[in-house]
Amino acid sequence: MLHCIHIQGKEAPPFCFRDKTAQNFKSLIQSLSEGSSLVISSLYRTDVIYSANRDLSENIFKLWSLQEKSFDSSRLTTVSGRDHVLELFFTSLVTFSSAGKWYEAYLDEFRHACSMDRNNPILKDLKLCEQFLQESHQTVARPMAGANKEDLLPQKEVFEDLVKHINDFLN
């Protein structure tokens, strides 16, 4: 099963991995989950996506808190299940794309993570996301930290906005 821990926006800087910490953290997550993982961290957005039979968020939070003294896991969004992870990842990316330099910095970190692990099965799932979105007819929540849970967008509007970003992001 796919799981994601996500934060973006003004609350994200304390959760940013610096230097080679992201690679070390990814190694810890892989050993914990015994599966694939993807860690993408920039100053205003961090995503930890991993594959595991059970939700390991609490264990990951404990590891993360060793890196950051003022760690508060309530500021993070966690989801489980392939469909929910893909929706969270890409719908939040659309919102984040309006952040200019922060968005570009995140894309650079994503591309770097991809270049380090081209055969990662999670990356293949992300690349299949466009097909998933085309087949979905649901309304999805706009996943932003602190956002009102009733802040909804029709799937069609989300997809139309995503089409503008997916090819640049994954290619």
C-alpha atoms as a PDB file:
ATOM      1  CA  MET A   1       0.000   0.000   0.000  1.00  0.00           C
ATOM      2  CA  LEU A   2       1.193   3.515  -0.768  1.00  0.00           C
ATOM      3  CA  HIS A   3       1.429   6.112   2.035  1.00  0.00           C
ATOM      4  CA  CYS A   4       2.312   9.810   1.960  1.00  0.00           C
ATOM      5  CA  ILE A   5       3.368  12.417   4.501  1.00  0.00           C
ATOM      6  CA  HIS A   6       3.130  15.918   3.081  1.00  0.00           C
ATOM      7  CA  ILE A   7       3.559  19.549   4.070  1.00  0.00           C
ATOM      8  CA  GLN A   8       3.719  22.708   2.007  1.00  0.00           C
ATOM      9  CA  GLY A   9       3.516  26.427   2.489  1.00  0.00           C
ATOM     10  CA  LYS A  10       4.627  28.723   5.278  1.00  0.00           C
ATOM     11  CA  GLU A  11       4.637  25.898   7.850  1.00  0.00           C
ATOM     12  CA  ALA A  12       7.031  23.714   5.819  1.00  0.00           C
ATOM     13  CA  PRO A  13      10.522  25.213   6.452  1.00  0.00           C
ATOM     14  CA  PRO A  14      11.139  23.338   9.736  1.00  0.00           C
ATOM     15  CA  PHE A  15      10.447  20.060   7.886  1.00  0.00           C
ATOM     16  CA  CYS A  16      13.005  20.665   5.129  1.00  0.00           C
ATOM     17  CA  PHE A  17      15.924  18.251   4.930  1.00  0.00           C
ATOM     18  CA  ARG A  18      19.241  19.914   4.302  1.00  0.00           C
ATOM     19  CA  ASP A  19      22.422  18.651   2.686  1.00  0.00           C
ATOM     20  CA  LYS A  20      22.524  14.854   2.481  1.00  0.00           C
ATOM     21  CA  THR A  21      19.963  14.403   5.236  1.00  0.00           C
ATOM     22  CA  ALA A  22      17.198  13.578   2.721  1.00  0.00           C
ATOM     23  CA  GLN A  23      19.142  10.609   1.338  1.00  0.00           C
ATOM     24  CA  ASN A  24      19.897   9.352   4.855  1.00  0.00           C
ATOM     25  CA  PHE A  25      16.251   9.773   5.850  1.00  0.00           C
ATOM     26  CA  LYS A  26      15.144   7.893   2.720  1.00  0.00           C
ATOM     27  CA  SER A  27      17.447   5.018   3.669  1.00  0.00           C
ATOM     28  CA  LEU A  28      15.879   4.887   7.127  1.00  0.00           C
ATOM     29  CA  ILE A  29      12.374   4.839   5.653  1.00  0.00           C
ATOM     30  CA  GLN A  30      13.312   2.080   3.208  1.00  0.00           C
ATOM     31  CA  SER A  31      14.692  -0.086   6.006  1.00  0.00           C
ATOM     32  CA  LEU A  32      11.615   0.610   8.136  1.00  0.00           C
ATOM     33  CA  SER A  33       9.102  -0.134   5.374  1.00  0.00           C
ATOM     34  CA  GLU A  34      11.050  -2.808   3.507  1.00  0.00           C
ATOM     35  CA  GLY A  35       9.713  -1.234   0.327  1.00  0.00           C
ATOM     36  CA  SER A  36      10.133   1.704  -2.004  1.00  0.00           C
ATOM     37  CA  SER A  37      10.289   5.264  -0.810  1.00  0.00           C
ATOM     38  CA  LEU A  38      10.624   8.711  -2.291  1.00  0.00           C
ATOM     39  CA  VAL A  39      11.712  11.741  -0.270  1.00  0.00           C
ATOM     40  CA  ILE A  40      11.470  15.152  -1.920  1.00  0.00           C
ATOM     41  CA  SER A  41      12.317  18.095   0.263  1.00  0.00           C
ATOM     42  CA  SER A  42      12.605  21.786  -0.450  1.00  0.00           C
ATOM     43  CA  LEU A  43      12.201  24.823   1.770  1.00  0.00           C
ATOM     44  CA  TYR A  44       8.429  25.208   1.303  1.00  0.00           C
ATOM     45  CA  ARG A  45       7.303  21.664   0.447  1.00  0.00           C
ATOM     46  CA  THR A  46       8.322  18.198   1.579  1.00  0.00           C
ATOM     47  CA  ASP A  47       6.838  14.873   0.507  1.00  0.00           C
ATOM     48  CA  VAL A  48       7.663  11.460   1.948  1.00  0.00           C
ATOM     49  CA  ILE A  49       6.016   8.709  -0.088  1.00  0.00           C
ATOM     50  CA  TYR A  50       6.587   5.087   0.847  1.00  0.00           C
ATOM     51  CA  SER A  51       5.236   1.640   0.192  1.00  0.00           C
ATOM     52  CA  ALA A  52       4.429  -0.568   3.194  1.00  0.00           C
ATOM     53  CA  ASN A  53       1.826  -3.059   4.380  1.00  0.00           C
ATOM     54  CA  ARG A  54       0.883  -0.783   7.281  1.00  0.00           C
ATOM     55  CA  ASP A  55       0.937   2.927   8.078  1.00  0.00           C
ATOM     56  CA  LEU A  56       4.349   3.802   9.524  1.00  0.00           C
ATOM     57  CA  SER A  57       3.646   7.511  10.033  1.00  0.00           C
ATOM     58  CA  GLU A  58       4.128   7.477  13.808  1.00  0.00           C
ATOM     59  CA  ASN A  59       7.509   5.747  13.471  1.00  0.00           C
ATOM     60  CA  ILE A  60       8.561   8.171  10.727  1.00  0.00           C
ATOM     61  CA  PHE A  61       7.462  11.123  12.886  1.00  0.00           C
ATOM     62  CA  LYS A  62       9.722   9.856  15.686  1.00  0.00           C
ATOM     63  CA  LEU A  63      12.679   9.633  13.292  1.00  0.00           C
ATOM     64  CA  TRP A  64      11.878  13.044  11.853  1.00  0.00           C
ATOM     65  CA  SER A  65      11.689  14.607  15.316  1.00  0.00           C
ATOM     66  CA  LEU A  66      15.318  13.577  15.873  1.00  0.00           C
ATOM     67  CA  GLN A  67      16.262  15.948  13.037  1.00  0.00           C
ATOM     68  CA  GLU A  68      14.057  18.869  14.063  1.00  0.00           C
ATOM     69  CA  LYS A  69      13.836  20.132  17.631  1.00  0.00           C
ATOM     70  CA  SER A  70      10.484  21.942  17.222  1.00  0.00           C
ATOM     71  CA  PHE A  71       8.761  19.054  15.449  1.00  0.00           C
ATOM     72  CA  ASP A  72       4.946  19.170  15.405  1.00  0.00           C
ATOM     73  CA  SER A  73       3.412  16.317  13.388  1.00  0.00           C
ATOM     74  CA  SER A  74      -0.037  17.957  13.491  1.00  0.00           C
ATOM     75  CA  ARG A  75       1.146  20.320  10.739  1.00  0.00           C
ATOM     76  CA  LEU A  76       1.691  17.387   8.363  1.00  0.00           C
ATOM     77  CA  THR A  77      -0.920  15.793   6.118  1.00  0.00           C
ATOM     78  CA  THR A  78      -0.880  11.985   5.955  1.00  0.00           C
ATOM     79  CA  VAL A  79      -2.815   9.779   3.547  1.00  0.00           C
ATOM     80  CA  SER A  80      -2.805   6.093   2.671  1.00  0.00           C
ATOM     81  CA  GLY A  81      -3.856   4.262  -0.461  1.00  0.00           C
ATOM     82  CA  ARG A  82      -2.556   4.712  -3.983  1.00  0.00           C
ATOM     83  CA  ASP A  83      -5.486   6.820  -5.235  1.00  0.00           C
ATOM     84  CA  HIS A  84      -5.464   9.145  -2.212  1.00  0.00           C
ATOM     85  CA  VAL A  85      -1.676   9.565  -2.350  1.00  0.00           C
ATOM     86  CA  LEU A  86      -1.750  10.470  -6.042  1.00  0.00           C
ATOM     87  CA  GLU A  87      -4.597  12.951  -5.534  1.00  0.00           C
ATOM     88  CA  LEU A  88      -2.823  14.592  -2.609  1.00  0.00           C
ATOM     89  CA  PHE A  89       0.469  14.790  -4.453  1.00  0.00           C
ATOM     90  CA  PHE A  90      -0.829  16.340  -7.659  1.00  0.00           C
ATOM     91  CA  THR A  91      -3.677  18.517  -6.425  1.00  0.00           C
ATOM     92  CA  SER A  92      -1.349  20.076  -3.861  1.00  0.00           C
ATOM     93  CA  LEU A  93       1.222  20.541  -6.632  1.00  0.00           C
ATOM     94  CA  VAL A  94      -1.266  22.615  -8.610  1.00  0.00           C
ATOM     95  CA  THR A  95      -1.809  24.893  -5.612  1.00  0.00           C
ATOM     96  CA  PHE A  96       1.936  25.073  -5.015  1.00  0.00           C
ATOM     97  CA  SER A  97       2.695  25.919  -8.653  1.00  0.00           C
ATOM     98  CA  SER A  98       1.552  29.493  -8.055  1.00  0.00           C
ATOM     99  CA  ALA A  99       4.451  29.964  -5.612  1.00  0.00           C
ATOM    100  CA  GLY A 100       7.035  30.729  -8.347  1.00  0.00           C
ATOM    101  CA  LYS A 101      10.564  30.303  -6.972  1.00  0.00           C
ATOM    102  CA  TRP A 102       9.453  27.861  -4.267  1.00  0.00           C
ATOM    103  CA  TYR A 103       7.751  25.680  -6.886  1.00  0.00           C
ATOM    104  CA  GLU A 104      10.844  25.743  -9.113  1.00  0.00           C
ATOM    105  CA  ALA A 105      13.060  24.787  -6.166  1.00  0.00           C
ATOM    106  CA  TYR A 106      10.767  21.844  -5.420  1.00  0.00           C
ATOM    107  CA  LEU A 107      10.857  20.729  -9.067  1.00  0.00           C
ATOM    108  CA  ASP A 108      14.660  20.815  -8.950  1.00  0.00           C
ATOM    109  CA  GLU A 109      14.636  18.600  -5.850  1.00  0.00           C
ATOM    110  CA  PHE A 110      12.114  16.237  -7.466  1.00  0.00           C
ATOM    111  CA  ARG A 111      14.210  15.909 -10.621  1.00  0.00           C
ATOM    112  CA  HIS A 112      17.308  15.274  -8.518  1.00  0.00           C
ATOM    113  CA  ALA A 113      15.507  12.525  -6.567  1.00  0.00           C
ATOM    114  CA  CYS A 114      14.349  10.994  -9.875  1.00  0.00           C
ATOM    115  CA  SER A 115      17.852  11.014 -11.317  1.00  0.00           C
ATOM    116  CA  MET A 116      19.149   9.198  -8.236  1.00  0.00           C
ATOM    117  CA  ASP A 117      16.554   6.392  -8.470  1.00  0.00           C
ATOM    118  CA  ARG A 118      15.114   6.081 -11.993  1.00  0.00           C
ATOM    119  CA  ASN A 119      13.624   2.600 -11.430  1.00  0.00           C
ATOM    120  CA  ASN A 120      11.689   3.554  -8.323  1.00  0.00           C
ATOM    121  CA  PRO A 121       8.175   2.020  -8.542  1.00  0.00           C
ATOM    122  CA  ILE A 122       6.687   5.072  -6.815  1.00  0.00           C
ATOM    123  CA  LEU A 123       7.934   7.251  -9.677  1.00  0.00           C
ATOM    124  CA  LYS A 124       6.170   4.926 -12.108  1.00  0.00           C
ATOM    125  CA  ASP A 125       2.950   5.419 -10.129  1.00  0.00           C
ATOM    126  CA  LEU A 126       3.373   9.190 -10.280  1.00  0.00           C
ATOM    127  CA  LYS A 127       3.864   8.997 -14.033  1.00  0.00           C
ATOM    128  CA  LEU A 128       0.639   6.995 -14.390  1.00  0.00           C
ATOM    129  CA  CYS A 129      -1.250   9.668 -12.460  1.00  0.00           C
ATOM    130  CA  GLU A 130      -2.577  11.415 -15.558  1.00  0.00           C
ATOM    131  CA  GLN A 131      -4.437   8.240 -16.556  1.00  0.00           C
ATOM    132  CA  PHE A 132      -5.813   7.871 -13.020  1.00  0.00           C
ATOM    133  CA  LEU A 133      -7.104  11.456 -13.029  1.00  0.00           C
ATOM    134  CA  GLN A 134      -8.802  11.028 -16.400  1.00  0.00           C
ATOM    135  CA  GLU A 135     -10.706   7.999 -15.103  1.00  0.00           C
ATOM    136  CA  SER A 136     -11.785   9.679 -11.865  1.00  0.00           C
ATOM    137  CA  HIS A 137     -15.062  11.615 -11.653  1.00  0.00           C
ATOM    138  CA  GLN A 138     -14.994  12.491  -7.984  1.00  0.00           C
ATOM    139  CA  THR A 139     -14.706  15.771  -6.151  1.00  0.00           C
ATOM    140  CA  VAL A 140     -11.458  15.998  -4.233  1.00  0.00           C
ATOM    141  CA  ALA A 141     -10.368  18.104  -1.279  1.00  0.00           C
ATOM    142  CA  ARG A 142      -7.743  20.751  -1.893  1.00  0.00           C
ATOM    143  CA  PRO A 143      -4.990  19.391   0.412  1.00  0.00           C
ATOM    144  CA  MET A 144      -3.306  22.360   2.038  1.00  0.00           C
ATOM    145  CA  ALA A 145      -2.055  22.583   5.599  1.00  0.00           C
ATOM    146  CA  GLY A 146      -4.652  24.323   7.705  1.00  0.00           C
ATOM    147  CA  ALA A 147      -7.204  24.467   4.883  1.00  0.00           C
ATOM    148  CA  ASN A 148     -10.900  24.128   5.591  1.00  0.00           C
ATOM    149  CA  LYS A 149     -11.885  20.467   5.115  1.00  0.00           C
ATOM    150  CA  GLU A 150     -14.893  21.591   3.070  1.00  0.00           C
ATOM    151  CA  ASP A 151     -12.748  23.433   0.519  1.00  0.00           C
ATOM    152  CA  LEU A 152     -13.536  21.261  -2.511  1.00  0.00           C
ATOM    153  CA  LEU A 153     -12.754  21.432  -6.209  1.00  0.00           C
ATOM    154  CA  PRO A 154     -14.589  19.482  -8.928  1.00  0.00           C
ATOM    155  CA  GLN A 155     -12.287  16.799 -10.371  1.00  0.00           C
ATOM    156  CA  LYS A 156     -12.636  18.291 -13.887  1.00  0.00           C
ATOM    157  CA  GLU A 157     -11.216  21.649 -12.742  1.00  0.00           C
ATOM    158  CA  VAL A 158      -8.370  19.925 -10.918  1.00  0.00           C
ATOM    159  CA  PHE A 159      -7.527  17.839 -13.965  1.00  0.00           C
ATOM    160  CA  GLU A 160      -7.603  20.801 -16.356  1.00  0.00           C
ATOM    161  CA  ASP A 161      -5.155  22.629 -14.112  1.00  0.00           C
ATOM    162  CA  LEU A 162      -2.973  19.535 -13.709  1.00  0.00           C
ATOM    163  CA  VAL A 163      -2.622  19.062 -17.456  1.00  0.00           C
ATOM    164  CA  LYS A 164      -0.700  22.351 -17.512  1.00  0.00           C
ATOM    165  CA  HIS A 165       1.876  20.999 -15.036  1.00  0.00           C
ATOM    166  CA  ILE A 166       2.220  17.205 -15.288  1.00  0.00           C
ATOM    167  CA  ASN A 167       4.346  17.012 -18.440  1.00  0.00           C
ATOM    168  CA  ASP A 168       6.848  19.630 -17.254  1.00  0.00           C
ATOM    169  CA  PHE A 169       7.027  18.009 -13.840  1.00  0.00           C
ATOM    170  CA  LEU A 170       7.605  14.401 -14.899  1.00  0.00           C
ATOM    171  CA  ASN A 171       9.686  14.902 -18.032  1.00  0.00           C
END
